[in-house]
Amino acid sequence: MVKKLALITIALLAIYMVVSLVVTNHGLSIVVNGHEITGPLHGFIDLGEMIVATIVLFCVGILLAFVFTGVGLLLVGVFAFVMIVLAAVLLPFIIPLLIPLFILWMFCCIVKSIAKS
């Protein structure tokens, strides 16, 4: 399923690239020695620009994957720190709730140990 979706996406992007090269004008003009490049050479140069842009975007995507991974680790660390601070601040309010739970837990442990013997 994922492979089919990837192939369909690649095919659609290739069709878009061909249509954008043939049908539209990008608003870019390449000037060499004061003369704008026209004719069939212009299409090849546009294709080269598209290939270079694809490679650059691929490299930027890889770079961003590493950057966002680092940012994600940093955010997890900050989240853990905030949770520790929050637990330390809320501990006095939680103790009255934890004491009955601790007594109940101890009672269950005693009953279980008596049942094993």
PDB file of N, CA and C in Angstrom:
ATOM      1  N   MET A   1       0.820  -1.188   0.000  1.00  0.00           N
ATOM      2  CA  MET A   1       0.000   0.000   0.000  1.00  0.00           C
ATOM      3  C   MET A   1       0.869   1.260   0.000  1.00  0.00           C
ATOM      4  N   VAL A   2       1.880   1.278   0.880  1.00  0.00           N
ATOM      5  CA  VAL A   2       2.750   2.449   0.976  1.00  0.00           C
ATOM      6  C   VAL A   2       3.601   2.584  -0.284  1.00  0.00           C
ATOM      7  N   LYS A   3       4.063   1.443  -0.815  1.00  0.00           N
ATOM      8  CA  LYS A   3       4.875   1.489  -2.034  1.00  0.00           C
ATOM      9  C   LYS A   3       4.055   2.008  -3.204  1.00  0.00           C
ATOM     10  N   LYS A   4       2.801   1.575  -3.298  1.00  0.00           N
ATOM     11  CA  LYS A   4       1.932   2.052  -4.377  1.00  0.00           C
ATOM     12  C   LYS A   4       1.697   3.549  -4.244  1.00  0.00           C
ATOM     13  N   LEU A   5       1.464   4.002  -3.014  1.00  0.00           N
ATOM     14  CA  LEU A   5       1.250   5.425  -2.789  1.00  0.00           C
ATOM     15  C   LEU A   5       2.497   6.228  -3.137  1.00  0.00           C
ATOM     16  N   ALA A   6       3.667   5.705  -2.795  1.00  0.00           N
ATOM     17  CA  ALA A   6       4.915   6.392  -3.122  1.00  0.00           C
ATOM     18  C   ALA A   6       5.117   6.451  -4.636  1.00  0.00           C
ATOM     19  N   LEU A   7       4.830   5.363  -5.332  1.00  0.00           N
ATOM     20  CA  LEU A   7       4.978   5.359  -6.789  1.00  0.00           C
ATOM     21  C   LEU A   7       3.988   6.312  -7.449  1.00  0.00           C
ATOM     22  N   ILE A   8       2.766   6.368  -6.945  1.00  0.00           N
ATOM     23  CA  ILE A   8       1.777   7.294  -7.496  1.00  0.00           C
ATOM     24  C   ILE A   8       2.217   8.735  -7.268  1.00  0.00           C
ATOM     25  N   THR A   9       2.746   9.017  -6.074  1.00  0.00           N
ATOM     26  CA  THR A   9       3.223  10.371  -5.773  1.00  0.00           C
ATOM     27  C   THR A   9       4.385  10.748  -6.675  1.00  0.00           C
ATOM     28  N   ILE A  10       5.324   9.849  -6.878  1.00  0.00           N
ATOM     29  CA  ILE A  10       6.468  10.127  -7.752  1.00  0.00           C
ATOM     30  C   ILE A  10       5.995  10.353  -9.184  1.00  0.00           C
ATOM     31  N   ALA A  11       5.041   9.546  -9.640  1.00  0.00           N
ATOM     32  CA  ALA A  11       4.517   9.713 -10.992  1.00  0.00           C
ATOM     33  C   ALA A  11       3.823  11.060 -11.148  1.00  0.00           C
ATOM     34  N   LEU A  12       3.026  11.453 -10.166  1.00  0.00           N
ATOM     35  CA  LEU A  12       2.351  12.751 -10.237  1.00  0.00           C
ATOM     36  C   LEU A  12       3.349  13.903 -10.224  1.00  0.00           C
ATOM     37  N   LEU A  13       4.393  13.787  -9.418  1.00  0.00           N
ATOM     38  CA  LEU A  13       5.413  14.839  -9.402  1.00  0.00           C
ATOM     39  C   LEU A  13       6.173  14.909 -10.725  1.00  0.00           C
ATOM     40  N   ALA A  14       6.428  13.757 -11.337  1.00  0.00           N
ATOM     41  CA  ALA A  14       7.101  13.746 -12.637  1.00  0.00           C
ATOM     42  C   ALA A  14       6.209  14.383 -13.707  1.00  0.00           C
ATOM     43  N   ILE A  15       4.921  14.071 -13.676  1.00  0.00           N
ATOM     44  CA  ILE A  15       3.991  14.682 -14.634  1.00  0.00           C
ATOM     45  C   ILE A  15       3.934  16.189 -14.423  1.00  0.00           C
ATOM     46  N   TYR A  16       3.884  16.607 -13.168  1.00  0.00           N
ATOM     47  CA  TYR A  16       3.874  18.042 -12.873  1.00  0.00           C
ATOM     48  C   TYR A  16       5.145  18.724 -13.378  1.00  0.00           C
ATOM     49  N   MET A  17       6.300  18.063 -13.213  1.00  0.00           N
ATOM     50  CA  MET A  17       7.553  18.640 -13.672  1.00  0.00           C
ATOM     51  C   MET A  17       7.554  18.792 -15.187  1.00  0.00           C
ATOM     52  N   VAL A  18       7.074  17.770 -15.910  1.00  0.00           N
ATOM     53  CA  VAL A  18       7.043  17.844 -17.369  1.00  0.00           C
ATOM     54  C   VAL A  18       6.098  18.943 -17.822  1.00  0.00           C
ATOM     55  N   VAL A  19       4.923  19.026 -17.210  1.00  0.00           N
ATOM     56  CA  VAL A  19       3.952  20.059 -17.590  1.00  0.00           C
ATOM     57  C   VAL A  19       4.509  21.439 -17.289  1.00  0.00           C
ATOM     58  N   SER A  20       5.166  21.601 -16.155  1.00  0.00           N
ATOM     59  CA  SER A  20       5.705  22.915 -15.818  1.00  0.00           C
ATOM     60  C   SER A  20       6.858  23.308 -16.741  1.00  0.00           C
ATOM     61  N   LEU A  21       7.598  22.331 -17.252  1.00  0.00           N
ATOM     62  CA  LEU A  21       8.679  22.648 -18.181  1.00  0.00           C
ATOM     63  C   LEU A  21       8.140  22.994 -19.564  1.00  0.00           C
ATOM     64  N   VAL A  22       7.114  22.294 -20.021  1.00  0.00           N
ATOM     65  CA  VAL A  22       6.620  22.466 -21.383  1.00  0.00           C
ATOM     66  C   VAL A  22       5.629  23.611 -21.496  1.00  0.00           C
ATOM     67  N   VAL A  23       4.686  23.685 -20.574  1.00  0.00           N
ATOM     68  CA  VAL A  23       3.557  24.603 -20.729  1.00  0.00           C
ATOM     69  C   VAL A  23       3.841  25.977 -20.156  1.00  0.00           C
ATOM     70  N   THR A  24       4.383  26.051 -18.970  1.00  0.00           N
ATOM     71  CA  THR A  24       4.474  27.337 -18.284  1.00  0.00           C
ATOM     72  C   THR A  24       5.847  27.959 -18.440  1.00  0.00           C
ATOM     73  N   ASN A  25       5.861  29.268 -18.235  1.00  0.00           N
ATOM     74  CA  ASN A  25       7.109  30.005 -18.173  1.00  0.00           C
ATOM     75  C   ASN A  25       7.333  30.372 -16.717  1.00  0.00           C
ATOM     76  N   HIS A  26       8.470  30.053 -16.171  1.00  0.00           N
ATOM     77  CA  HIS A  26       8.731  30.255 -14.754  1.00  0.00           C
ATOM     78  C   HIS A  26       8.976  31.718 -14.413  1.00  0.00           C
ATOM     79  N   GLY A  27       9.061  32.561 -15.389  1.00  0.00           N
ATOM     80  CA  GLY A  27       9.383  33.938 -15.110  1.00  0.00           C
ATOM     81  C   GLY A  27      10.881  34.136 -14.937  1.00  0.00           C
ATOM     82  N   LEU A  28      11.651  33.097 -15.228  1.00  0.00           N
ATOM     83  CA  LEU A  28      13.105  33.188 -15.145  1.00  0.00           C
ATOM     84  C   LEU A  28      13.669  33.321 -16.545  1.00  0.00           C
ATOM     85  N   SER A  29      14.697  34.081 -16.638  1.00  0.00           N
ATOM     86  CA  SER A  29      15.378  34.165 -17.926  1.00  0.00           C
ATOM     87  C   SER A  29      16.874  34.030 -17.680  1.00  0.00           C
ATOM     88  N   ILE A  30      17.516  33.259 -18.553  1.00  0.00           N
ATOM     89  CA  ILE A  30      18.943  33.050 -18.444  1.00  0.00           C
ATOM     90  C   ILE A  30      19.610  33.895 -19.517  1.00  0.00           C
ATOM     91  N   VAL A  31      20.500  34.753 -19.075  1.00  0.00           N
ATOM     92  CA  VAL A  31      21.159  35.674 -19.996  1.00  0.00           C
ATOM     93  C   VAL A  31      22.639  35.323 -20.038  1.00  0.00           C
ATOM     94  N   VAL A  32      23.140  35.071 -21.251  1.00  0.00           N
ATOM     95  CA  VAL A  32      24.548  34.784 -21.454  1.00  0.00           C
ATOM     96  C   VAL A  32      25.078  35.804 -22.453  1.00  0.00           C
ATOM     97  N   ASN A  33      26.086  36.563 -22.051  1.00  0.00           N
ATOM     98  CA  ASN A  33      26.693  37.598 -22.882  1.00  0.00           C
ATOM     99  C   ASN A  33      25.655  38.598 -23.402  1.00  0.00           C
ATOM    100  N   GLY A  34      24.678  38.911 -22.566  1.00  0.00           N
ATOM    101  CA  GLY A  34      23.681  39.910 -22.930  1.00  0.00           C
ATOM    102  C   GLY A  34      22.538  39.380 -23.768  1.00  0.00           C
ATOM    103  N   HIS A  35      22.531  38.079 -24.098  1.00  0.00           N
ATOM    104  CA  HIS A  35      21.452  37.512 -24.908  1.00  0.00           C
ATOM    105  C   HIS A  35      20.714  36.458 -24.094  1.00  0.00           C
ATOM    106  N   GLU A  36      19.378  36.535 -24.148  1.00  0.00           N
ATOM    107  CA  GLU A  36      18.571  35.549 -23.439  1.00  0.00           C
ATOM    108  C   GLU A  36      18.591  34.239 -24.207  1.00  0.00           C
ATOM    109  N   ILE A  37      18.708  33.144 -23.458  1.00  0.00           N
ATOM    110  CA  ILE A  37      18.738  31.824 -24.090  1.00  0.00           C
ATOM    111  C   ILE A  37      17.304  31.439 -24.456  1.00  0.00           C
ATOM    112  N   THR A  38      17.110  31.062 -25.699  1.00  0.00           N
ATOM    113  CA  THR A  38      15.799  30.637 -26.190  1.00  0.00           C
ATOM    114  C   THR A  38      15.975  29.343 -26.967  1.00  0.00           C
ATOM    115  N   GLY A  39      14.871  28.812 -27.447  1.00  0.00           N
ATOM    116  CA  GLY A  39      14.917  27.618 -28.276  1.00  0.00           C
ATOM    117  C   GLY A  39      14.977  26.358 -27.445  1.00  0.00           C
ATOM    118  N   PRO A  40      15.414  25.252 -28.086  1.00  0.00           N
ATOM    119  CA  PRO A  40      15.420  23.970 -27.387  1.00  0.00           C
ATOM    120  C   PRO A  40      16.408  23.930 -26.220  1.00  0.00           C
ATOM    121  N   LEU A  41      17.456  24.733 -26.291  1.00  0.00           N
ATOM    122  CA  LEU A  41      18.432  24.766 -25.215  1.00  0.00           C
ATOM    123  C   LEU A  41      17.815  25.284 -23.923  1.00  0.00           C
ATOM    124  N   HIS A  42      16.822  26.157 -24.063  1.00  0.00           N
ATOM    125  CA  HIS A  42      16.163  26.724 -22.893  1.00  0.00           C
ATOM    126  C   HIS A  42      15.458  25.623 -22.086  1.00  0.00           C
ATOM    127  N   GLY A  43      14.842  24.661 -22.759  1.00  0.00           N
ATOM    128  CA  GLY A  43      14.179  23.547 -22.077  1.00  0.00           C
ATOM    129  C   GLY A  43      15.158  22.682 -21.312  1.00  0.00           C
ATOM    130  N   PHE A  44      16.326  22.414 -21.919  1.00  0.00           N
ATOM    131  CA  PHE A  44      17.331  21.610 -21.228  1.00  0.00           C
ATOM    132  C   PHE A  44      17.875  22.332 -19.999  1.00  0.00           C
ATOM    133  N   ILE A  45      18.058  23.640 -20.124  1.00  0.00           N
ATOM    134  CA  ILE A  45      18.551  24.401 -18.975  1.00  0.00           C
ATOM    135  C   ILE A  45      17.499  24.417 -17.869  1.00  0.00           C
ATOM    136  N   ASP A  46      16.211  24.556 -18.241  1.00  0.00           N
ATOM    137  CA  ASP A  46      15.146  24.479 -17.245  1.00  0.00           C
ATOM    138  C   ASP A  46      15.128  23.122 -16.567  1.00  0.00           C
ATOM    139  N   LEU A  47      15.350  22.069 -17.345  1.00  0.00           N
ATOM    140  CA  LEU A  47      15.386  20.729 -16.768  1.00  0.00           C
ATOM    141  C   LEU A  47      16.549  20.599 -15.787  1.00  0.00           C
ATOM    142  N   GLY A  48      17.686  21.157 -16.142  1.00  0.00           N
ATOM    143  CA  GLY A  48      18.837  21.145 -15.233  1.00  0.00           C
ATOM    144  C   GLY A  48      18.553  21.910 -13.954  1.00  0.00           C
ATOM    145  N   GLU A  49      17.867  23.062 -14.084  1.00  0.00           N
ATOM    146  CA  GLU A  49      17.497  23.827 -12.902  1.00  0.00           C
ATOM    147  C   GLU A  49      16.559  23.022 -12.012  1.00  0.00           C
ATOM    148  N   MET A  50      15.624  22.299 -12.633  1.00  0.00           N
ATOM    149  CA  MET A  50      14.672  21.493 -11.871  1.00  0.00           C
ATOM    150  C   MET A  50      15.391  20.350 -11.145  1.00  0.00           C
ATOM    151  N   ILE A  51      16.376  19.742 -11.789  1.00  0.00           N
ATOM    152  CA  ILE A  51      17.139  18.657 -11.167  1.00  0.00           C
ATOM    153  C   ILE A  51      17.962  19.188  -9.993  1.00  0.00           C
ATOM    154  N   VAL A  52      18.604  20.339 -10.184  1.00  0.00           N
ATOM    155  CA  VAL A  52      19.391  20.936  -9.100  1.00  0.00           C
ATOM    156  C   VAL A  52      18.475  21.309  -7.937  1.00  0.00           C
ATOM    157  N   ALA A  53      17.311  21.868  -8.232  1.00  0.00           N
ATOM    158  CA  ALA A  53      16.369  22.229  -7.163  1.00  0.00           C
ATOM    159  C   ALA A  53      15.894  20.990  -6.418  1.00  0.00           C
ATOM    160  N   THR A  54      15.670  19.883  -7.137  1.00  0.00           N
ATOM    161  CA  THR A  54      15.251  18.640  -6.493  1.00  0.00           C
ATOM    162  C   THR A  54      16.333  18.123  -5.552  1.00  0.00           C
ATOM    163  N   ILE A  55      17.577  18.143  -5.997  1.00  0.00           N
ATOM    164  CA  ILE A  55      18.687  17.679  -5.155  1.00  0.00           C
ATOM    165  C   ILE A  55      18.841  18.574  -3.932  1.00  0.00           C
ATOM    166  N   VAL A  56      18.734  19.880  -4.123  1.00  0.00           N
ATOM    167  CA  VAL A  56      18.868  20.810  -2.999  1.00  0.00           C
ATOM    168  C   VAL A  56      17.747  20.589  -1.993  1.00  0.00           C
ATOM    169  N   LEU A  57      16.514  20.434  -2.469  1.00  0.00           N
ATOM    170  CA  LEU A  57      15.390  20.211  -1.550  1.00  0.00           C
ATOM    171  C   LEU A  57      15.522  18.883  -0.821  1.00  0.00           C
ATOM    172  N   PHE A  58      16.042  17.860  -1.483  1.00  0.00           N
ATOM    173  CA  PHE A  58      16.264  16.577  -0.830  1.00  0.00           C
ATOM    174  C   PHE A  58      17.294  16.718   0.286  1.00  0.00           C
ATOM    175  N   CYS A  59      18.376  17.431   0.024  1.00  0.00           N
ATOM    176  CA  CYS A  59      19.410  17.643   1.043  1.00  0.00           C
ATOM    177  C   CYS A  59      18.872  18.471   2.209  1.00  0.00           C
ATOM    178  N   VAL A  60      18.076  19.485   1.914  1.00  0.00           N
ATOM    179  CA  VAL A  60      17.478  20.295   2.980  1.00  0.00           C
ATOM    180  C   VAL A  60      16.520  19.450   3.809  1.00  0.00           C
ATOM    181  N   GLY A  61      15.778  18.557   3.163  1.00  0.00           N
ATOM    182  CA  GLY A  61      14.879  17.665   3.893  1.00  0.00           C
ATOM    183  C   GLY A  61      15.636  16.767   4.851  1.00  0.00           C
ATOM    184  N   ILE A  62      16.763  16.222   4.403  1.00  0.00           N
ATOM    185  CA  ILE A  62      17.577  15.386   5.289  1.00  0.00           C
ATOM    186  C   ILE A  62      18.115  16.210   6.460  1.00  0.00           C
ATOM    187  N   LEU A  63      18.593  17.414   6.182  1.00  0.00           N
ATOM    188  CA  LEU A  63      19.088  18.286   7.241  1.00  0.00           C
ATOM    189  C   LEU A  63      17.990  18.596   8.250  1.00  0.00           C
ATOM    190  N   LEU A  64      16.793  18.920   7.762  1.00  0.00           N
ATOM    191  CA  LEU A  64      15.690  19.240   8.673  1.00  0.00           C
ATOM    192  C   LEU A  64      15.258  18.029   9.492  1.00  0.00           C
ATOM    193  N   ALA A  65      15.371  16.834   8.914  1.00  0.00           N
ATOM    194  CA  ALA A  65      15.034  15.630   9.676  1.00  0.00           C
ATOM    195  C   ALA A  65      15.955  15.502  10.886  1.00  0.00           C
ATOM    196  N   PHE A  66      17.249  15.766  10.692  1.00  0.00           N
ATOM    197  CA  PHE A  66      18.181  15.702  11.817  1.00  0.00           C
ATOM    198  C   PHE A  66      17.949  16.840  12.804  1.00  0.00           C
ATOM    199  N   VAL A  67      17.653  18.040  12.292  1.00  0.00           N
ATOM    200  CA  VAL A  67      17.430  19.191  13.175  1.00  0.00           C
ATOM    201  C   VAL A  67      16.187  18.968  14.018  1.00  0.00           C
ATOM    202  N   PHE A  68      15.084  18.516  13.382  1.00  0.00           N
ATOM    203  CA  PHE A  68      13.849  18.325  14.134  1.00  0.00           C
ATOM    204  C   PHE A  68      13.971  17.167  15.112  1.00  0.00           C
ATOM    205  N   THR A  69      14.805  16.185  14.810  1.00  0.00           N
ATOM    206  CA  THR A  69      15.037  15.109  15.766  1.00  0.00           C
ATOM    207  C   THR A  69      15.725  15.667  17.004  1.00  0.00           C
ATOM    208  N   GLY A  70      16.716  16.499  16.805  1.00  0.00           N
ATOM    209  CA  GLY A  70      17.390  17.135  17.938  1.00  0.00           C
ATOM    210  C   GLY A  70      16.446  18.013  18.731  1.00  0.00           C
ATOM    211  N   VAL A  71      15.609  18.776  18.033  1.00  0.00           N
ATOM    212  CA  VAL A  71      14.635  19.629  18.706  1.00  0.00           C
ATOM    213  C   VAL A  71      13.638  18.768  19.475  1.00  0.00           C
ATOM    214  N   GLY A  72      13.245  17.631  18.878  1.00  0.00           N
ATOM    215  CA  GLY A  72      12.319  16.725  19.568  1.00  0.00           C
ATOM    216  C   GLY A  72      12.915  16.179  20.849  1.00  0.00           C
ATOM    217  N   LEU A  73      14.195  15.801  20.813  1.00  0.00           N
ATOM    218  CA  LEU A  73      14.855  15.324  22.032  1.00  0.00           C
ATOM    219  C   LEU A  73      14.934  16.428  23.074  1.00  0.00           C
ATOM    220  N   LEU A  74      15.211  17.631  22.622  1.00  0.00           N
ATOM    221  CA  LEU A  74      15.261  18.764  23.537  1.00  0.00           C
ATOM    222  C   LEU A  74      13.884  19.004  24.166  1.00  0.00           C
ATOM    223  N   LEU A  75      12.829  18.913  23.359  1.00  0.00           N
ATOM    224  CA  LEU A  75      11.482  19.104  23.890  1.00  0.00           C
ATOM    225  C   LEU A  75      11.096  18.004  24.878  1.00  0.00           C
ATOM    226  N   VAL A  76      11.499  16.773  24.626  1.00  0.00           N
ATOM    227  CA  VAL A  76      11.219  15.686  25.569  1.00  0.00           C
ATOM    228  C   VAL A  76      11.940  15.945  26.888  1.00  0.00           C
ATOM    229  N   GLY A  77      13.180  16.402  26.826  1.00  0.00           N
ATOM    230  CA  GLY A  77      13.915  16.733  28.046  1.00  0.00           C
ATOM    231  C   GLY A  77      13.266  17.863  28.819  1.00  0.00           C
ATOM    232  N   VAL A  78      12.831  18.901  28.109  1.00  0.00           N
ATOM    233  CA  VAL A  78      12.147  20.018  28.772  1.00  0.00           C
ATOM    234  C   VAL A  78      10.832  19.546  29.389  1.00  0.00           C
ATOM    235  N   PHE A  79      10.106  18.702  28.665  1.00  0.00           N
ATOM    236  CA  PHE A  79       8.847  18.161  29.180  1.00  0.00           C
ATOM    237  C   PHE A  79       9.079  17.344  30.446  1.00  0.00           C
ATOM    238  N   ALA A  80      10.118  16.517  30.471  1.00  0.00           N
ATOM    239  CA  ALA A  80      10.429  15.722  31.659  1.00  0.00           C
ATOM    240  C   ALA A  80      10.792  16.630  32.834  1.00  0.00           C
ATOM    241  N   PHE A  81      11.577  17.667  32.568  1.00  0.00           N
ATOM    242  CA  PHE A  81      11.950  18.605  33.627  1.00  0.00           C
ATOM    243  C   PHE A  81      10.723  19.312  34.197  1.00  0.00           C
ATOM    244  N   VAL A  82       9.820  19.735  33.322  1.00  0.00           N
ATOM    245  CA  VAL A  82       8.594  20.409  33.766  1.00  0.00           C
ATOM    246  C   VAL A  82       7.741  19.456  34.600  1.00  0.00           C
ATOM    247  N   MET A  83       7.668  18.187  34.196  1.00  0.00           N
ATOM    248  CA  MET A  83       6.886  17.224  34.967  1.00  0.00           C
ATOM    249  C   MET A  83       7.494  16.987  36.354  1.00  0.00           C
ATOM    250  N   ILE A  84       8.819  16.954  36.439  1.00  0.00           N
ATOM    251  CA  ILE A  84       9.473  16.780  37.746  1.00  0.00           C
ATOM    252  C   ILE A  84       9.199  17.989  38.640  1.00  0.00           C
ATOM    253  N   VAL A  85       9.314  19.181  38.089  1.00  0.00           N
ATOM    254  CA  VAL A  85       9.030  20.392  38.867  1.00  0.00           C
ATOM    255  C   VAL A  85       7.564  20.413  39.291  1.00  0.00           C
ATOM    256  N   LEU A  86       6.675  20.052  38.369  1.00  0.00           N
ATOM    257  CA  LEU A  86       5.243  20.019  38.679  1.00  0.00           C
ATOM    258  C   LEU A  86       4.935  19.001  39.775  1.00  0.00           C
ATOM    259  N   ALA A  87       5.577  17.842  39.710  1.00  0.00           N
ATOM    260  CA  ALA A  87       5.372  16.831  40.757  1.00  0.00           C
ATOM    261  C   ALA A  87       5.887  17.335  42.108  1.00  0.00           C
ATOM    262  N   ALA A  88       7.022  18.025  42.093  1.00  0.00           N
ATOM    263  CA  ALA A  88       7.562  18.547  43.356  1.00  0.00           C
ATOM    264  C   ALA A  88       6.648  19.626  43.941  1.00  0.00           C
ATOM    265  N   VAL A  89       6.049  20.424  43.080  1.00  0.00           N
ATOM    266  CA  VAL A  89       5.156  21.477  43.561  1.00  0.00           C
ATOM    267  C   VAL A  89       3.840  20.887  44.067  1.00  0.00           C
ATOM    268  N   LEU A  90       3.321  19.882  43.376  1.00  0.00           N
ATOM    269  CA  LEU A  90       2.024  19.314  43.734  1.00  0.00           C
ATOM    270  C   LEU A  90       2.100  18.233  44.795  1.00  0.00           C
ATOM    271  N   LEU A  91       3.281  17.797  45.181  1.00  0.00           N
ATOM    272  CA  LEU A  91       3.408  16.709  46.145  1.00  0.00           C
ATOM    273  C   LEU A  91       2.690  17.001  47.470  1.00  0.00           C
ATOM    274  N   PRO A  92       2.787  18.197  48.031  1.00  0.00           N
ATOM    275  CA  PRO A  92       2.060  18.443  49.291  1.00  0.00           C
ATOM    276  C   PRO A  92       0.540  18.283  49.140  1.00  0.00           C
ATOM    277  N   PHE A  93       0.013  18.559  47.972  1.00  0.00           N
ATOM    278  CA  PHE A  93      -1.425  18.425  47.757  1.00  0.00           C
ATOM    279  C   PHE A  93      -1.829  16.982  47.463  1.00  0.00           C
ATOM    280  N   ILE A  94      -0.884  16.185  46.963  1.00  0.00           N
ATOM    281  CA  ILE A  94      -1.186  14.804  46.593  1.00  0.00           C
ATOM    282  C   ILE A  94      -1.017  13.855  47.779  1.00  0.00           C
ATOM    283  N   ILE A  95      -0.207  14.218  48.771  1.00  0.00           N
ATOM    284  CA  ILE A  95       0.062  13.324  49.903  1.00  0.00           C
ATOM    285  C   ILE A  95      -1.224  12.879  50.603  1.00  0.00           C
ATOM    286  N   PRO A  96      -2.199  13.773  50.868  1.00  0.00           N
ATOM    287  CA  PRO A  96      -3.425  13.284  51.505  1.00  0.00           C
ATOM    288  C   PRO A  96      -4.161  12.233  50.668  1.00  0.00           C
ATOM    289  N   LEU A  97      -3.983  12.245  49.354  1.00  0.00           N
ATOM    290  CA  LEU A  97      -4.587  11.212  48.514  1.00  0.00           C
ATOM    291  C   LEU A  97      -3.762   9.932  48.507  1.00  0.00           C
ATOM    292  N   LEU A  98      -2.446  10.071  48.650  1.00  0.00           N
ATOM    293  CA  LEU A  98      -1.575   8.904  48.569  1.00  0.00           C
ATOM    294  C   LEU A  98      -1.550   8.092  49.859  1.00  0.00           C
ATOM    295  N   ILE A  99      -1.784   8.720  50.980  1.00  0.00           N
ATOM    296  CA  ILE A  99      -1.741   7.995  52.258  1.00  0.00           C
ATOM    297  C   ILE A  99      -2.812   6.899  52.307  1.00  0.00           C
ATOM    298  N   PRO A 100      -4.079   7.165  51.981  1.00  0.00           N
ATOM    299  CA  PRO A 100      -5.052   6.066  51.980  1.00  0.00           C
ATOM    300  C   PRO A 100      -4.720   4.981  50.947  1.00  0.00           C
ATOM    301  N   LEU A 101      -4.182   5.381  49.807  1.00  0.00           N
ATOM    302  CA  LEU A 101      -3.791   4.378  48.813  1.00  0.00           C
ATOM    303  C   LEU A 101      -2.652   3.508  49.325  1.00  0.00           C
ATOM    304  N   PHE A 102      -1.709   4.116  50.049  1.00  0.00           N
ATOM    305  CA  PHE A 102      -0.603   3.349  50.622  1.00  0.00           C
ATOM    306  C   PHE A 102      -1.114   2.353  51.669  1.00  0.00           C
ATOM    307  N   ILE A 103      -2.066   2.800  52.494  1.00  0.00           N
ATOM    308  CA  ILE A 103      -2.633   1.894  53.513  1.00  0.00           C
ATOM    309  C   ILE A 103      -3.366   0.737  52.836  1.00  0.00           C
ATOM    310  N   LEU A 104      -4.116   1.028  51.797  1.00  0.00           N
ATOM    311  CA  LEU A 104      -4.822  -0.023  51.060  1.00  0.00           C
ATOM    312  C   LEU A 104      -3.836  -0.995  50.408  1.00  0.00           C
ATOM    313  N   TRP A 105      -2.738  -0.457  49.855  1.00  0.00           N
ATOM    314  CA  TRP A 105      -1.722  -1.301  49.218  1.00  0.00           C
ATOM    315  C   TRP A 105      -1.066  -2.217  50.251  1.00  0.00           C
ATOM    316  N   MET A 106      -0.745  -1.668  51.409  1.00  0.00           N
ATOM    317  CA  MET A 106      -0.137  -2.482  52.471  1.00  0.00           C
ATOM    318  C   MET A 106      -1.100  -3.570  52.937  1.00  0.00           C
ATOM    319  N   PHE A 107      -2.367  -3.233  53.068  1.00  0.00           N
ATOM    320  CA  PHE A 107      -3.374  -4.220  53.467  1.00  0.00           C
ATOM    321  C   PHE A 107      -3.438  -5.355  52.449  1.00  0.00           C
ATOM    322  N   CYS A 108      -3.434  -5.018  51.144  1.00  0.00           N
ATOM    323  CA  CYS A 108      -3.470  -6.049  50.089  1.00  0.00           C
ATOM    324  C   CYS A 108      -2.215  -6.919  50.140  1.00  0.00           C
ATOM    325  N   CYS A 109      -1.068  -6.328  50.415  1.00  0.00           N
ATOM    326  CA  CYS A 109       0.180  -7.102  50.500  1.00  0.00           C
ATOM    327  C   CYS A 109       0.140  -8.063  51.691  1.00  0.00           C
ATOM    328  N   ILE A 110      -0.379  -7.593  52.806  1.00  0.00           N
ATOM    329  CA  ILE A 110      -0.467  -8.458  53.990  1.00  0.00           C
ATOM    330  C   ILE A 110      -1.410  -9.616  53.734  1.00  0.00           C
ATOM    331  N   VAL A 111      -2.562  -9.336  53.128  1.00  0.00           N
ATOM    332  CA  VAL A 111      -3.531 -10.387  52.825  1.00  0.00           C
ATOM    333  C   VAL A 111      -2.943 -11.398  51.854  1.00  0.00           C
ATOM    334  N   LYS A 112      -2.234 -10.917  50.865  1.00  0.00           N
ATOM    335  CA  LYS A 112      -1.622 -11.813  49.864  1.00  0.00           C
ATOM    336  C   LYS A 112      -0.537 -12.682  50.516  1.00  0.00           C
ATOM    337  N   SER A 113       0.286 -12.090  51.395  1.00  0.00           N
ATOM    338  CA  SER A 113       1.341 -12.870  52.046  1.00  0.00           C
ATOM    339  C   SER A 113       0.740 -13.927  52.996  1.00  0.00           C
ATOM    340  N   ILE A 114      -0.369 -13.613  53.656  1.00  0.00           N
ATOM    341  CA  ILE A 114      -1.032 -14.581  54.524  1.00  0.00           C
ATOM    342  C   ILE A 114      -1.629 -15.701  53.669  1.00  0.00           C
ATOM    343  N   ALA A 115      -2.181 -15.360  52.527  1.00  0.00           N
ATOM    344  CA  ALA A 115      -2.797 -16.367  51.647  1.00  0.00           C
ATOM    345  C   ALA A 115      -1.732 -17.300  51.075  1.00  0.00           C
ATOM    346  N   LYS A 116      -0.525 -16.843  50.846  1.00  0.00           N
ATOM    347  CA  LYS A 116       0.550 -17.682  50.309  1.00  0.00           C
ATOM    348  C   LYS A 116       1.031 -18.689  51.351  1.00  0.00           C
ATOM    349  N   SER A 117       1.013 -18.298  52.624  1.00  0.00           N
ATOM    350  CA  SER A 117       1.535 -19.170  53.674  1.00  0.00           C
ATOM    351  C   SER A 117       0.628 -20.268  54.044  1.00  0.00           C
TER     352      SER A 117
END
